[in-house]
Protein backbone atom coordinates (compact mmCIF):
# COMPACT_ATOMS: atom_id res chain seq x y z
CA MET A 1 0.00 0.00 0.00
CA ASN A 2 1.17 3.51 -0.76
CA ARG A 3 1.30 5.56 2.39
CA PRO A 4 2.14 9.21 3.02
CA ASN A 5 5.38 9.93 4.84
CA SER A 6 4.92 9.04 8.49
CA HIS A 7 6.19 11.07 11.41
CA ILE A 8 6.79 9.04 14.55
CA VAL A 9 5.77 10.75 17.76
CA HIS A 10 7.21 9.07 20.85
CA ARG A 11 5.02 9.13 23.93
CA THR A 12 6.95 9.78 27.12
CA ASP A 13 4.29 11.09 29.48
CA THR A 14 2.86 7.96 31.05
CA HIS A 15 4.34 4.96 32.84
CA PRO A 16 2.58 1.58 32.29
CA ALA A 17 1.73 1.32 35.98
CA GLU A 18 0.03 4.71 35.80
CA LEU A 19 -2.10 3.53 32.88
CA LEU A 20 -3.27 0.59 34.96
CA ARG A 21 -3.93 2.70 38.04
CA ASP A 22 -5.35 5.86 36.49
CA GLY A 23 -6.40 4.93 32.98
CA LEU A 24 -9.67 3.68 31.54
CA ILE A 25 -8.82 0.07 32.39
CA ALA A 26 -8.92 0.89 36.11
CA ARG A 27 -12.69 1.38 35.78
CA ALA A 28 -13.28 -2.17 34.52
CA ARG A 29 -15.45 -4.30 36.80
CA ASN A 30 -13.17 -7.30 36.31
CA PRO A 31 -10.55 -8.54 33.80
CA PHE A 32 -12.94 -10.83 31.88
CA TRP A 33 -14.43 -8.96 28.93
CA LEU A 34 -16.82 -9.56 26.06
CA ALA A 35 -15.02 -9.59 22.71
CA PRO A 36 -16.50 -7.71 19.74
CA MET A 37 -18.32 -10.09 17.39
CA ALA A 38 -19.80 -9.04 14.05
CA GLY A 39 -23.55 -9.52 13.90
CA ILE A 40 -23.69 -10.54 17.57
CA THR A 41 -22.54 -7.95 20.10
CA ASP A 42 -25.37 -5.49 19.50
CA ILE A 43 -27.02 -3.47 22.27
CA CYS A 44 -29.20 -6.41 23.39
CA TYR A 45 -26.43 -8.99 23.64
CA ARG A 46 -24.12 -6.48 25.32
CA GLN A 47 -26.73 -5.63 27.95
CA LEU A 48 -27.35 -9.32 28.62
CA MET A 49 -23.62 -9.98 29.08
CA ASP A 50 -23.36 -6.88 31.27
CA GLU A 51 -26.08 -8.31 33.52
CA LEU A 52 -24.23 -11.64 33.54
CA GLY A 53 -20.96 -10.10 34.71
CA SER A 54 -18.74 -9.07 31.78
CA GLY A 55 -16.13 -6.53 32.89
CA ILE A 56 -16.14 -4.49 29.68
CA LEU A 57 -18.27 -4.80 26.55
CA VAL A 58 -17.30 -3.96 22.97
CA SER A 59 -19.70 -3.54 20.06
CA GLU A 60 -19.74 -5.32 16.76
CA LEU A 61 -17.70 -3.77 13.96
CA VAL A 62 -19.18 -0.44 12.79
CA SER A 63 -18.22 1.47 9.65
CA ALA A 64 -17.07 5.02 10.36
CA LYS A 65 -18.14 6.06 6.87
CA GLY A 66 -21.50 4.43 7.46
CA LEU A 67 -22.06 6.59 10.53
CA LEU A 68 -21.23 9.71 8.55
CA TYR A 69 -23.12 9.02 5.34
CA SER A 70 -25.61 6.23 6.00
CA SER A 71 -29.15 5.87 7.29
CA GLY A 72 -30.26 5.39 10.86
CA LYS A 73 -29.49 1.66 10.63
CA THR A 74 -25.77 2.22 11.25
CA HIS A 75 -26.48 4.70 14.04
CA LYS A 76 -28.64 2.06 15.73
CA MET A 77 -25.51 -0.12 15.94
CA ILE A 78 -23.82 2.35 18.30
CA ALA A 79 -26.71 2.63 20.76
CA VAL A 80 -25.56 2.05 24.35
CA HIS A 81 -27.75 0.63 27.11
CA ARG A 82 -28.10 2.71 30.25
CA ASP A 83 -26.25 1.34 33.24
CA ALA A 84 -24.14 3.55 35.47
CA GLU A 85 -21.56 0.79 35.95
CA ALA A 86 -21.38 -0.51 32.38
CA MET A 87 -18.23 0.11 30.34
CA VAL A 88 -19.18 -0.04 26.66
CA GLY A 89 -16.85 0.64 23.75
CA ILE A 90 -17.85 1.06 20.11
CA GLN A 91 -15.52 -0.55 17.59
CA LEU A 92 -15.01 1.47 14.40
CA PHE A 93 -13.22 0.69 11.17
CA GLY A 94 -12.27 2.89 8.26
CA GLU A 95 -9.42 3.86 5.96
CA SER A 96 -9.66 7.57 6.79
CA ALA A 97 -8.49 8.95 10.14
CA GLU A 98 -10.73 11.96 9.49
CA ASP A 99 -13.80 9.74 9.03
CA ILE A 100 -13.08 7.87 12.25
CA THR A 101 -12.47 11.13 14.13
CA ASN A 102 -15.80 12.54 12.96
CA ALA A 103 -17.62 9.26 13.63
CA ALA A 104 -16.18 9.18 17.16
CA HIS A 105 -18.23 12.25 18.03
CA PHE A 106 -21.41 10.24 17.39
CA VAL A 107 -19.99 7.45 19.55
CA LYS A 108 -19.43 9.84 22.44
CA GLU A 109 -22.93 11.29 22.07
CA ALA A 110 -24.34 7.74 22.22
CA GLY A 111 -22.85 7.35 25.69
CA ALA A 112 -19.94 4.99 24.97
CA ALA A 113 -16.95 4.97 27.32
CA PHE A 114 -14.37 4.61 24.55
CA VAL A 115 -13.74 4.17 20.84
CA ASP A 116 -12.00 0.97 19.74
CA ILE A 117 -10.25 0.85 16.36
CA ASN A 118 -10.35 -2.45 14.49
CA LEU A 119 -6.89 -3.44 13.26
CA GLY A 120 -7.62 -7.14 13.00
CA CYS A 121 -10.51 -7.84 10.63
CA PRO A 122 -9.22 -10.34 8.02
CA VAL A 123 -12.18 -10.07 5.62
CA LYS A 124 -11.08 -9.33 2.05
CA LYS A 125 -13.56 -6.52 1.38
CA VAL A 126 -12.28 -4.74 4.51
CA VAL A 127 -8.54 -5.17 4.03
CA LYS A 128 -8.61 -4.27 0.32
CA LYS A 129 -9.70 -0.78 1.39
CA GLY A 130 -6.70 -0.53 3.70
CA CYS A 131 -8.76 -1.14 6.85
CA GLY A 132 -8.70 -3.83 9.50
CA ALA A 133 -5.61 -6.03 9.52
CA ALA A 134 -4.16 -4.18 6.50
CA LEU A 135 -3.23 -1.29 8.79
CA MET A 136 -0.75 -3.55 10.60
CA ARG A 137 1.42 -3.85 7.50
CA ASP A 138 2.90 -0.38 8.05
CA PRO A 139 3.42 0.35 11.76
CA ALA A 140 4.88 3.81 11.09
CA TYR A 141 1.80 4.82 9.12
CA LEU A 142 -0.39 3.20 11.77
CA GLU A 143 1.14 5.45 14.42
CA THR A 144 0.42 8.53 12.33
CA PHE A 145 -3.12 7.27 11.67
CA LEU A 146 -3.86 6.64 15.35
CA THR A 147 -2.21 9.89 16.46
CA LYS A 148 -4.48 11.88 14.14
CA ILE A 149 -7.51 10.16 15.61
CA ARG A 150 -6.36 10.54 19.22
CA SER A 151 -5.66 14.25 18.76
CA GLY A 152 -9.08 14.84 17.21
CA ILE A 153 -11.35 13.18 19.78
CA ASP A 154 -12.20 13.75 23.43
CA ILE A 155 -13.06 10.16 24.29
CA PRO A 156 -10.54 7.40 25.20
CA LEU A 157 -9.06 5.41 22.31
CA THR A 158 -8.22 1.69 22.24
CA VAL A 159 -7.23 -0.79 19.53
CA LYS A 160 -7.82 -4.45 18.76
CA MET A 161 -5.31 -6.15 16.48
CA ARG A 162 -3.88 -9.47 15.35
CA THR A 163 -0.29 -10.65 15.60
CA GLY A 164 0.45 -9.45 12.07
CA TRP A 165 -0.44 -9.90 8.44
CA SER A 166 1.25 -13.30 8.07
CA PRO A 167 3.97 -15.40 9.73
CA GLU A 168 6.44 -13.45 7.59
CA GLU A 169 4.96 -10.12 8.73
CA LEU A 170 4.62 -10.41 12.51
CA THR A 171 4.42 -6.68 13.21
CA ILE A 172 2.70 -6.99 16.55
CA HIS A 173 5.53 -5.48 18.65
CA GLU A 174 5.84 -2.46 16.36
CA CYS A 175 2.07 -1.98 16.19
CA VAL A 176 1.70 -2.13 19.97
CA THR A 177 4.44 0.50 20.23
CA ALA A 178 2.51 2.61 17.71
CA ALA A 179 -0.62 2.26 19.83
CA TYR A 180 1.26 3.36 22.94
CA ASN A 181 2.99 6.30 21.26
CA SER A 182 -0.29 7.54 19.81
CA GLY A 183 -2.01 7.62 23.19
CA CYS A 184 -4.16 4.48 23.19
CA GLU A 185 -5.41 3.19 26.54
CA TRP A 186 -4.74 -0.46 25.71
CA ALA A 187 -4.14 -2.90 22.88
CA ALA A 188 -6.23 -6.06 22.61
CA ILE A 189 -4.53 -8.84 20.67
CA HIS A 190 -6.18 -11.76 18.91
CA GLY A 191 -3.41 -14.35 18.77
CA ARG A 192 -3.60 -15.13 15.04
CA THR A 193 -2.28 -13.51 11.89
CA ARG A 194 -4.53 -12.21 9.15
CA ALA A 195 -3.35 -15.09 6.93
CA GLN A 196 -4.62 -17.61 9.49
CA GLY A 197 -8.10 -16.15 9.53
CA TYR A 198 -9.65 -18.27 12.28
CA ASP A 199 -7.72 -21.46 11.50
CA GLY A 200 -5.14 -23.06 13.76
CA ARG A 201 -4.64 -21.99 17.36
CA ALA A 202 -4.25 -18.57 18.92
CA ASP A 203 -0.60 -17.92 19.86
CA TRP A 204 -0.75 -17.10 23.54
CA ASP A 205 3.02 -17.46 23.90
CA LEU A 206 3.42 -14.51 21.54
CA ILE A 207 0.75 -12.54 23.39
CA ALA A 208 2.69 -13.15 26.64
CA GLU A 209 5.91 -12.02 24.95
CA VAL A 210 4.24 -8.81 23.77
CA LYS A 211 2.93 -8.18 27.28
CA GLN A 212 6.44 -8.44 28.74
CA LYS A 213 7.71 -5.68 26.45
CA ALA A 214 4.66 -3.43 26.14
CA LYS A 215 4.35 -0.03 27.79
CA LEU A 216 0.55 -0.07 27.84
CA PRO A 217 -2.02 -2.60 29.08
CA ILE A 218 -2.41 -5.69 26.90
CA ILE A 219 -5.66 -7.62 26.52
CA GLY A 220 -5.42 -11.23 25.31
CA ASN A 221 -7.97 -12.87 23.02
CA GLY A 222 -8.41 -16.12 21.17
CA ASP A 223 -9.76 -19.63 21.78
CA ILE A 224 -11.02 -19.06 25.34
CA ARG A 225 -13.72 -21.67 25.81
CA THR A 226 -14.14 -22.02 29.57
CA ALA A 227 -13.85 -19.94 32.73
CA GLU A 228 -10.98 -22.12 33.92
CA GLN A 229 -9.11 -21.48 30.69
CA ALA A 230 -9.73 -17.73 30.96
CA GLN A 231 -8.35 -17.66 34.50
CA GLN A 232 -5.34 -19.76 33.52
CA LEU A 233 -4.44 -17.67 30.46
CA LEU A 234 -4.84 -14.44 32.41
CA LYS A 235 -2.38 -15.70 35.02
CA GLU A 236 0.13 -17.46 32.77
CA SER A 237 0.36 -14.82 30.04
CA GLY A 238 0.45 -11.89 32.43
CA VAL A 239 -2.03 -9.88 30.36
CA ASP A 240 -4.15 -7.26 32.05
CA ALA A 241 -7.47 -8.75 30.91
CA VAL A 242 -8.85 -11.33 28.50
CA MET A 243 -11.59 -11.02 25.90
CA ILE A 244 -14.01 -13.91 25.43
CA GLY A 245 -15.98 -14.45 22.24
CA ARG A 246 -17.33 -17.87 21.28
CA GLY A 247 -17.00 -19.11 24.84
CA ALA A 248 -19.67 -16.62 25.88
CA LEU A 249 -22.00 -17.77 23.10
CA ARG A 250 -21.86 -21.36 24.29
CA ASN A 251 -21.94 -20.39 27.96
CA PRO A 252 -23.52 -17.01 28.79
CA TRP A 253 -22.61 -17.53 32.47
CA ILE A 254 -18.88 -17.66 31.71
CA PHE A 255 -18.16 -14.18 33.11
CA LYS A 256 -19.82 -14.99 36.44
CA GLU A 257 -17.87 -18.23 36.56
CA CYS A 258 -14.61 -16.39 35.83
CA VAL A 259 -14.98 -14.28 38.97
CA GLY A 260 -16.35 -17.09 41.11
CA LEU A 261 -19.93 -15.88 41.30
CA ASP A 262 -22.92 -18.19 41.52
CA ARG A 263 -25.20 -18.16 38.50
CA GLY A 264 -28.13 -17.35 40.77
CA ASP A 265 -31.62 -17.11 39.30
CA SER A 266 -30.17 -17.11 35.80
CA GLU A 267 -28.91 -20.70 36.04
CA ASP A 268 -31.97 -21.92 34.13
CA PRO A 269 -31.15 -21.40 30.41
CA CYS A 270 -34.76 -20.42 29.80
CA VAL A 271 -34.47 -17.55 32.28
CA VAL A 272 -31.60 -16.18 30.20
CA LEU A 273 -33.53 -16.80 26.99
CA ASP A 274 -36.56 -14.95 28.40
CA ARG A 275 -34.41 -11.98 29.42
CA TYR A 276 -32.78 -11.82 25.99
CA LEU A 277 -36.24 -11.85 24.41
CA GLU A 278 -37.29 -8.90 26.60
CA LEU A 279 -34.28 -6.94 25.39
CA LEU A 280 -34.87 -7.85 21.75
CA ARG A 281 -38.50 -6.75 21.90
CA GLU A 282 -37.38 -3.34 23.17
CA GLU A 283 -35.11 -2.82 20.16
CA TYR A 284 -36.35 -4.76 17.13
CA ASP A 285 -39.36 -5.62 15.02
CA LEU A 286 -40.74 -9.17 14.98
CA ARG A 287 -38.61 -10.33 12.04
CA ASN A 288 -35.29 -9.32 13.61
CA THR A 289 -36.38 -10.53 17.04
CA LEU A 290 -37.01 -13.98 15.56
CA ILE A 291 -33.61 -14.01 13.82
CA TYR A 292 -31.66 -13.12 16.95
CA LEU A 293 -33.70 -15.35 19.26
CA ARG A 294 -33.27 -18.40 17.02
CA LYS A 295 -29.50 -17.95 16.97
CA PHE A 296 -29.32 -17.52 20.73
CA ALA A 297 -31.47 -20.59 21.41
CA ALA A 298 -29.27 -22.62 19.06
CA TRP A 299 -26.13 -21.57 20.96
CA LEU A 300 -27.67 -22.52 24.31
CA VAL A 301 -28.47 -26.08 23.24
CA TYR A 302 -25.18 -26.73 21.43
CA GLY A 303 -23.42 -29.86 22.64
CA TYR A 304 -26.47 -31.52 24.19
CA PRO A 305 -27.98 -34.72 22.72
CA GLY A 306 -30.60 -33.71 20.17
CA ALA A 307 -29.15 -30.24 19.63
CA ALA A 308 -28.81 -30.64 15.86
CA ALA A 309 -32.47 -31.60 15.47
CA PHE A 310 -33.48 -28.67 17.69
CA ARG A 311 -31.49 -26.21 15.58
CA GLY A 312 -33.01 -27.58 12.40
CA ALA A 313 -36.52 -27.19 13.78
CA MET A 314 -35.83 -23.63 14.93
CA TYR A 315 -35.80 -22.28 11.39
CA HIS A 316 -39.31 -23.53 10.72
CA ILE A 317 -40.78 -21.85 13.80
CA LEU A 318 -42.42 -18.52 13.04
CA THR A 319 -43.33 -17.14 16.48
CA VAL A 320 -41.21 -16.16 19.45
CA ASP A 321 -43.57 -17.92 21.85
CA ALA A 322 -43.07 -21.19 19.97
CA ILE A 323 -39.28 -20.77 20.12
CA VAL A 324 -39.40 -20.25 23.88
CA GLN A 325 -41.74 -23.22 24.33
CA SER A 326 -39.50 -25.48 22.23
CA ALA A 327 -36.50 -24.41 24.29
CA ARG A 328 -38.32 -25.16 27.55
CA GLU A 329 -39.26 -28.62 26.33
CA PHE A 330 -35.69 -29.27 25.20
CA PHE A 331 -34.11 -28.22 28.50
CA ASP A 332 -36.67 -30.19 30.49
CA LYS A 333 -35.46 -33.30 28.66
CA VAL A 334 -31.76 -32.65 29.33
CA ALA A 335 -32.12 -31.19 32.84
CA HIS A 336 -30.44 -34.25 34.36
CA LEU A 337 -27.30 -33.75 32.22
CA PRO A 338 -24.31 -31.52 33.02
CA GLN A 339 -23.70 -28.55 30.75
CA PRO A 340 -21.60 -29.70 27.76
CA ARG A 341 -17.97 -28.56 27.70
CA PHE A 342 -16.72 -26.52 24.76
CA GLU A 343 -13.84 -28.72 23.61
CA ALA A 344 -10.83 -27.42 21.67
CA THR A 345 -11.55 -29.88 18.85
CA GLU A 346 -15.04 -28.47 18.19
CA THR A 347 -15.74 -26.23 15.20
CA PHE A 348 -18.48 -24.17 16.86
CA MET A 349 -18.66 -20.78 15.10
CA ALA A 350 -15.28 -21.51 13.51
CA GLY A 351 -15.77 -18.73 10.99
CA GLY A 352 -14.72 -16.22 13.59
CA HIS A 353 -15.67 -14.54 16.84
CA GLY A 354 -12.64 -15.21 19.04
């Protein structure tokens, strides 16, 4: 990619310990956070995970240009639920620092606590525009890009990135330095390259190595399936927090489990399903409520005997009441069974979502 000449600005004002003590991360409820997931972490899912204990919540990917030039549909994506203790960030992507800067003003008005810049999306239509993971190919330009954004907004800035473009272009150390120098609060790292997509395993050894050298808080992400695994990776890698994606889809109680809390009244999957339905009805029409509710019900049953047949039947059900009733009948049948474990060999949502 052709880039303008980049001027490196070295940040010397803040010690890493001060960022942890005084920065945005100090306001997090706990170090177990909901990862951004396209088409999933909307206002309803974020509020549900907030109620179930997630320390910080990040939105699905939102186009900065879409916020500036599109209809109300894109603006709906940055809506933030009202909770005095909730920490919600809106993740933006775009090839223009000016577009992101201008879009960030809408994000602040929506009530978000911070703007997160996507530097990790591997999707071809995103990277061919110079967005997402493509920005990691030129760390010097990335620093200029982020510095322009940071200087133009009055809301905290964070980034989420991969380990690099490919095994031959592991620019993670340089990109984390760029994030620090430009004034970012933290860098979240998904432990795969863009070339990997979502194949293979997340490289937590590399994430730990980055953490040892970084001058700003590091958030680890990738392949966290259970609360025990989240706790172990947090401790062994030394990161300041972990982001959980697919693990929260399979087990919405994972954040409570991470901090040792009892599931309480929400232990019944149907209680969680009912609450999600309440939230959906507040935000969406019947068609979209059905779409989201079907997906959520399918995640809840995954791994149980008969789950495949249940998922198949879901897409022929045309009312929310029938979906809830089918879920109740299903969970009544498997009530005597332990919750299925999310094994490393499973391909659940293998197309993405951390």
